[in-house]
């Protein structure tokens, strides 16, 4: 594997993401027995069971994470792409380190709802960082990939992952009851939303589609006055049968007012569609990946 600046950044993000995930597990979720799926959920169950059963030393989160993931990576070695596998091994080992180190951090015995929400936010940011670098920490994600490759090729990994995590949450329901499980589901929901936001990016922009008989004049003004790029797409009106260019322009959210004013100063009858864009890569926006 060629070591580049981007590779170092990716491994830094994996490390940061894993420690955020470990923080959510140890500080927010374990104190409330919130089983949110994955190996971490099983680890919380194991810790609670061995503690309540009177073990002198309850089996810690880090040890369960280490033991349960080992056979998964051994089985997945030949079916997971090499680069993805190496990054995931690193993420898995760092999660073991993180949960080992963070066990010395005092748990936050806050309101259970706050633990679910803030734990979900912290976990979502961490998992988002890991997923953005094309890695995982093993667990249910790796199980789902293997099941999809071996047995369930007609089912998406996302659907298999949902079933696997739901099964683990069901075990948590049996162990800790309905009330705790409902808060765990809140944590899963918050975490998933934050993860998607991190993966897709926080750099919101607007995509603007402009239909006008004055498309050439509008395009010229956008490029010269606003200094934004414009794509001209040949189009034909369904009702009028008139042929014209559909203009596509992507601008930062703060620039949408100036763009609309410019369009309507040229053609007050222009048809303008504005839609949200989660992430934009390229000239004038976020540079693309250099991997």
Protein backbone atom coordinates (compact mmCIF):
# COMPACT_ATOMS: atom_id res chain seq x y z
CA UNK A 1 0.00 0.00 0.00
CA UNK A 2 1.41 3.35 -1.06
CA UNK A 3 1.65 5.75 1.87
CA UNK A 4 0.46 9.19 0.82
CA UNK A 5 -0.63 12.30 2.66
CA UNK A 6 -4.25 11.26 2.11
CA UNK A 7 -3.53 7.80 3.55
CA UNK A 8 -2.13 9.37 6.73
CA UNK A 9 -5.19 11.62 6.97
CA UNK A 10 -7.47 8.60 6.54
CA UNK A 11 -5.78 6.67 9.33
CA UNK A 12 -5.94 9.73 11.58
CA UNK A 13 -9.68 9.95 10.90
CA UNK A 14 -10.09 6.23 11.63
CA UNK A 15 -8.28 6.68 14.94
CA UNK A 16 -10.31 9.75 15.89
CA UNK A 17 -13.56 8.13 14.80
CA UNK A 18 -12.88 4.95 16.74
CA UNK A 19 -12.09 6.84 19.94
CA UNK A 20 -15.32 8.82 19.57
CA UNK A 21 -17.19 5.54 19.13
CA UNK A 22 -15.45 4.08 22.18
CA UNK A 23 -16.31 7.20 24.19
CA UNK A 24 -19.99 6.85 23.28
CA UNK A 25 -20.00 3.19 24.28
CA UNK A 26 -18.14 3.52 27.57
CA UNK A 27 -19.35 6.90 28.82
CA UNK A 28 -22.93 7.13 27.53
CA UNK A 29 -24.28 3.68 26.65
CA UNK A 30 -22.74 1.13 28.99
CA UNK A 31 -23.89 2.93 32.19
CA UNK A 32 -27.51 2.73 30.95
CA UNK A 33 -27.23 -0.73 29.34
CA UNK A 34 -28.19 0.66 25.95
CA UNK A 35 -27.75 -2.18 23.48
CA UNK A 36 -27.51 -0.53 20.07
CA UNK A 37 -26.51 -3.54 18.01
CA UNK A 38 -23.12 -4.73 16.80
CA UNK A 39 -20.36 -6.33 18.81
CA UNK A 40 -20.43 -3.36 21.19
CA UNK A 41 -24.03 -4.21 22.05
CA UNK A 42 -23.07 -7.82 22.76
CA UNK A 43 -20.15 -6.57 24.83
CA UNK A 44 -22.50 -4.49 26.99
CA UNK A 45 -24.71 -7.55 27.51
CA UNK A 46 -21.71 -9.70 28.46
CA UNK A 47 -20.44 -7.06 30.89
CA UNK A 48 -23.84 -6.73 32.57
CA UNK A 49 -24.38 -10.50 32.79
CA UNK A 50 -20.96 -11.24 34.28
CA UNK A 51 -21.31 -8.32 36.70
CA UNK A 52 -24.80 -9.32 37.88
CA UNK A 53 -23.80 -12.98 38.07
CA UNK A 54 -21.24 -12.09 40.74
CA UNK A 55 -18.01 -12.54 38.76
CA UNK A 56 -15.05 -11.14 40.68
CA UNK A 57 -14.07 -9.17 37.56
CA UNK A 58 -16.83 -8.59 34.97
CA UNK A 59 -15.70 -9.22 31.41
CA UNK A 60 -14.83 -5.73 30.08
CA UNK A 61 -16.03 -4.23 26.81
CA UNK A 62 -12.57 -4.23 25.25
CA UNK A 63 -12.03 -7.96 25.85
CA UNK A 64 -15.36 -9.01 24.34
CA UNK A 65 -14.68 -6.73 21.36
CA UNK A 66 -11.28 -8.33 20.87
CA UNK A 67 -12.47 -11.94 21.17
CA UNK A 68 -15.67 -11.74 19.12
CA UNK A 69 -14.08 -9.91 16.19
CA UNK A 70 -11.09 -12.24 15.80
CA UNK A 71 -12.96 -15.11 14.09
CA UNK A 72 -14.89 -12.63 11.92
CA UNK A 73 -11.70 -11.16 10.49
CA UNK A 74 -10.19 -14.63 10.10
CA UNK A 75 -13.20 -15.69 8.03
CA UNK A 76 -13.41 -12.45 6.09
CA UNK A 77 -9.76 -12.32 5.05
CA UNK A 78 -10.30 -13.83 1.59
CA UNK A 79 -13.62 -12.21 0.69
CA UNK A 80 -13.07 -8.59 1.74
CA UNK A 81 -11.03 -6.29 -0.55
CA UNK A 82 -7.45 -6.02 0.73
CA UNK A 83 -7.33 -2.25 1.31
CA UNK A 84 -10.73 -2.31 3.01
CA UNK A 85 -9.65 -5.28 5.12
CA UNK A 86 -6.39 -3.64 6.26
CA UNK A 87 -8.16 -0.43 7.24
CA UNK A 88 -10.86 -2.38 9.05
CA UNK A 89 -8.29 -4.44 10.97
CA UNK A 90 -6.71 -1.19 12.09
CA UNK A 91 -10.12 0.20 13.08
CA UNK A 92 -10.95 -2.95 15.01
CA UNK A 93 -7.66 -2.97 16.92
CA UNK A 94 -7.96 0.73 17.68
CA UNK A 95 -11.47 0.17 19.03
CA UNK A 96 -10.04 -2.43 21.40
CA UNK A 97 -7.40 0.09 22.50
CA UNK A 98 -9.98 2.87 22.81
CA UNK A 99 -12.40 0.87 24.96
CA UNK A 100 -9.47 -0.32 27.10
CA UNK A 101 -8.13 3.20 27.68
CA UNK A 102 -11.52 4.87 28.07
CA UNK A 103 -12.67 2.45 30.77
CA UNK A 104 -10.86 4.76 33.18
CA UNK A 105 -13.08 7.68 32.16
CA UNK A 106 -15.90 8.17 34.71
CA UNK A 107 -19.26 7.16 33.20
CA UNK A 108 -21.95 9.79 32.82
CA UNK A 109 -24.98 8.55 34.73
CA UNK A 110 -27.16 11.24 33.20
CA UNK A 111 -30.79 10.98 32.24
CA UNK A 112 -31.15 7.93 29.97
CA UNK A 113 -32.61 10.00 27.14
CA UNK A 114 -29.63 12.37 27.25
CA UNK A 115 -27.29 9.39 27.26
CA UNK A 116 -29.04 7.98 24.19
CA UNK A 117 -29.05 11.28 22.29
CA UNK A 118 -25.55 12.52 23.08
CA UNK A 119 -24.12 9.02 22.76
CA UNK A 120 -25.82 8.77 19.38
CA UNK A 121 -24.32 12.07 18.24
CA UNK A 122 -20.79 11.16 19.36
CA UNK A 123 -21.06 7.66 17.91
CA UNK A 124 -22.49 8.97 14.63
CA UNK A 125 -19.62 11.40 14.17
CA UNK A 126 -17.08 8.67 14.95
CA UNK A 127 -18.64 6.04 12.69
CA UNK A 128 -19.02 8.64 9.94
CA UNK A 129 -15.29 9.39 10.07
CA UNK A 130 -14.50 5.66 9.87
CA UNK A 131 -16.91 4.99 6.99
CA UNK A 132 -15.66 8.01 5.02
CA UNK A 133 -12.23 6.38 4.91
CA UNK A 134 -13.70 3.12 3.54
CA UNK A 135 -13.16 1.16 6.73
CA UNK A 136 -15.16 -0.44 9.54
CA UNK A 137 -14.48 -1.65 13.06
CA UNK A 138 -15.64 -5.17 12.23
CA UNK A 139 -18.64 -6.47 14.12
CA UNK A 140 -22.07 -6.65 12.50
CA UNK A 141 -20.90 -4.79 9.39
CA UNK A 142 -18.33 -7.49 8.64
CA UNK A 143 -20.87 -10.23 9.45
CA UNK A 144 -23.30 -8.69 6.96
CA UNK A 145 -20.67 -8.47 4.22
CA UNK A 146 -19.76 -12.14 4.66
CA UNK A 147 -23.39 -13.28 4.71
CA UNK A 148 -24.07 -11.31 1.56
CA UNK A 149 -21.04 -12.77 -0.25
CA UNK A 150 -21.67 -16.37 0.88
CA UNK A 151 -25.40 -16.94 1.30
CA UNK A 152 -27.57 -13.93 0.52
CA UNK A 153 -26.28 -12.43 -2.72
CA UNK A 154 -29.75 -11.21 -3.70
CA UNK A 155 -30.08 -9.11 -0.52
CA UNK A 156 -28.21 -5.84 0.07
CA UNK A 157 -25.62 -5.52 2.84
CA UNK A 158 -27.69 -2.71 4.40
CA UNK A 159 -30.73 -4.96 4.79
CA UNK A 160 -28.67 -7.81 6.25
CA UNK A 161 -27.01 -5.36 8.66
CA UNK A 162 -30.45 -4.17 9.78
CA UNK A 163 -31.50 -7.75 10.57
CA UNK A 164 -28.24 -8.56 12.40
CA UNK A 165 -28.37 -5.42 14.54
CA UNK A 166 -32.10 -5.88 15.18
CA UNK A 167 -31.40 -9.39 16.48
CA UNK A 168 -28.81 -8.04 18.92
CA UNK A 169 -31.20 -5.30 20.03
CA UNK A 170 -33.86 -7.99 20.58
CA UNK A 171 -31.45 -9.78 22.93
CA UNK A 172 -31.08 -6.46 24.75
CA UNK A 173 -34.87 -6.26 25.00
CA UNK A 174 -34.96 -9.64 26.69
CA UNK A 175 -32.13 -8.68 29.05
CA UNK A 176 -33.05 -5.11 29.97
CA UNK A 177 -36.73 -4.67 29.18
CA UNK A 178 -38.80 -2.52 26.85
CA UNK A 179 -38.07 0.89 28.41
CA UNK A 180 -34.28 0.62 28.06
CA UNK A 181 -34.60 -0.84 24.56
CA UNK A 182 -36.73 2.08 23.38
CA UNK A 183 -33.98 4.47 24.46
CA UNK A 184 -31.45 2.26 22.67
CA UNK A 185 -33.51 2.60 19.48
CA UNK A 186 -33.42 6.39 19.93
CA UNK A 187 -29.64 6.15 20.17
CA UNK A 188 -29.50 4.07 16.97
CA UNK A 189 -31.71 6.55 15.13
CA UNK A 190 -29.66 9.59 16.18
CA UNK A 191 -26.41 7.80 15.41
CA UNK A 192 -27.56 6.76 11.92
CA UNK A 193 -28.69 10.28 11.04
CA UNK A 194 -25.43 11.85 12.20
CA UNK A 195 -23.40 9.17 10.41
CA UNK A 196 -25.16 9.91 7.12
CA UNK A 197 -24.58 13.64 7.61
CA UNK A 198 -20.85 13.09 8.20
CA UNK A 199 -20.50 10.72 5.23
CA UNK A 200 -22.39 12.96 2.81
CA UNK A 201 -20.76 16.12 4.12
CA UNK A 202 -21.76 19.25 5.97
CA UNK A 203 -20.90 21.61 3.10
CA UNK A 204 -24.45 22.36 1.99
CA UNK A 205 -25.00 23.98 -1.38
CA UNK A 206 -27.88 24.62 -3.76
CA UNK A 207 -28.41 23.18 -7.22
CA UNK A 208 -30.37 25.61 -9.39
CA UNK A 209 -32.15 24.62 -12.61
CA UNK A 210 -33.19 27.53 -14.81
CA UNK A 211 -35.58 27.37 -17.77
CA UNK A 212 -35.79 30.60 -19.72
CA UNK A 213 -35.98 31.99 -23.23
CA UNK A 214 -33.10 34.22 -22.15
CA UNK A 215 -30.87 31.33 -21.10
CA UNK A 216 -27.82 32.58 -23.02
CA UNK A 217 -27.93 36.02 -21.36
CA UNK A 218 -28.53 34.49 -17.94
CA UNK A 219 -25.64 32.04 -18.36
CA UNK A 220 -23.32 34.84 -19.43
CA UNK A 221 -24.23 36.95 -16.38
CA UNK A 222 -23.82 34.03 -13.96
CA UNK A 223 -20.35 33.26 -15.28
CA UNK A 224 -19.11 36.84 -15.47
CA UNK A 225 -20.91 38.62 -12.64
CA UNK A 226 -21.27 35.81 -10.05
CA UNK A 227 -18.20 33.92 -11.30
CA UNK A 228 -19.97 30.56 -11.06
CA UNK A 229 -19.92 27.78 -13.61
CA UNK A 230 -23.01 26.92 -15.65
CA UNK A 231 -23.90 23.75 -17.52
CA UNK A 232 -26.14 24.08 -20.57
CA UNK A 233 -28.41 21.09 -21.10
CA UNK A 234 -30.39 20.92 -24.37
CA UNK A 235 -34.11 20.58 -23.56
CA UNK A 236 -37.53 20.73 -25.21
CA UNK A 237 -40.74 21.98 -23.65
CA UNK A 238 -43.39 19.28 -23.36
CA UNK A 239 -46.27 21.69 -23.94
CA UNK A 240 -44.74 24.38 -26.15
CA UNK A 241 -42.34 22.07 -28.02
CA UNK A 242 -39.86 24.96 -27.82
CA UNK A 243 -36.19 23.97 -27.83
CA UNK A 244 -33.90 25.78 -25.40
CA UNK A 245 -31.09 25.24 -22.95
CA UNK A 246 -31.80 24.16 -19.39
CA UNK A 247 -29.18 25.81 -17.17
CA UNK A 248 -27.70 23.99 -14.19
CA UNK A 249 -25.68 25.95 -11.64
CA UNK A 250 -24.45 24.89 -8.20
CA UNK A 251 -23.83 27.70 -5.71
CA UNK A 252 -23.13 27.96 -1.98
CA UNK A 253 -26.31 28.41 0.05
CA UNK A 254 -25.43 32.02 0.81
CA UNK A 255 -25.27 32.81 -2.92
CA UNK A 256 -28.78 31.69 -3.82
CA UNK A 257 -30.37 35.13 -3.24
CA UNK A 258 -27.93 36.87 -5.60
CA UNK A 259 -28.49 34.20 -8.24
CA UNK A 260 -32.29 34.49 -8.16
CA UNK A 261 -32.13 38.28 -8.31
CA UNK A 262 -29.84 38.06 -11.33
CA UNK A 263 -32.13 35.60 -13.14
CA UNK A 264 -35.30 37.62 -12.60
CA UNK A 265 -33.59 40.87 -13.53
CA UNK A 266 -33.17 39.38 -17.01
CA UNK A 267 -36.34 37.28 -17.34
CA UNK A 268 -39.22 37.77 -14.91
CA UNK A 269 -40.96 34.71 -16.38
CA UNK A 270 -38.02 32.36 -15.85
CA UNK A 271 -38.82 28.98 -14.29
CA UNK A 272 -36.34 28.29 -11.45
CA UNK A 273 -35.96 25.10 -9.44
CA UNK A 274 -33.77 25.14 -6.32
CA UNK A 275 -32.76 21.89 -4.60
CA UNK A 276 -30.45 21.05 -1.70
CA UNK A 277 -27.06 19.51 -2.39
CA UNK A 278 -25.35 17.72 0.49
CA UNK A 279 -21.81 17.66 -0.87
CA UNK A 280 -20.08 19.15 -3.89
CA UNK A 281 -16.62 18.11 -5.07
CA UNK A 282 -14.68 19.97 -7.70
CA UNK A 283 -13.45 23.40 -8.72
CA UNK A 284 -14.87 26.14 -6.53
CA UNK A 285 -15.94 23.67 -3.86
CA UNK A 286 -14.35 20.88 -1.79
CA UNK A 287 -11.40 19.23 -3.60
CA UNK A 288 -11.96 15.62 -4.57
CA UNK A 289 -10.20 12.69 -2.88
CA UNK A 290 -6.58 12.23 -3.87
CA UNK A 291 -6.47 8.53 -3.00
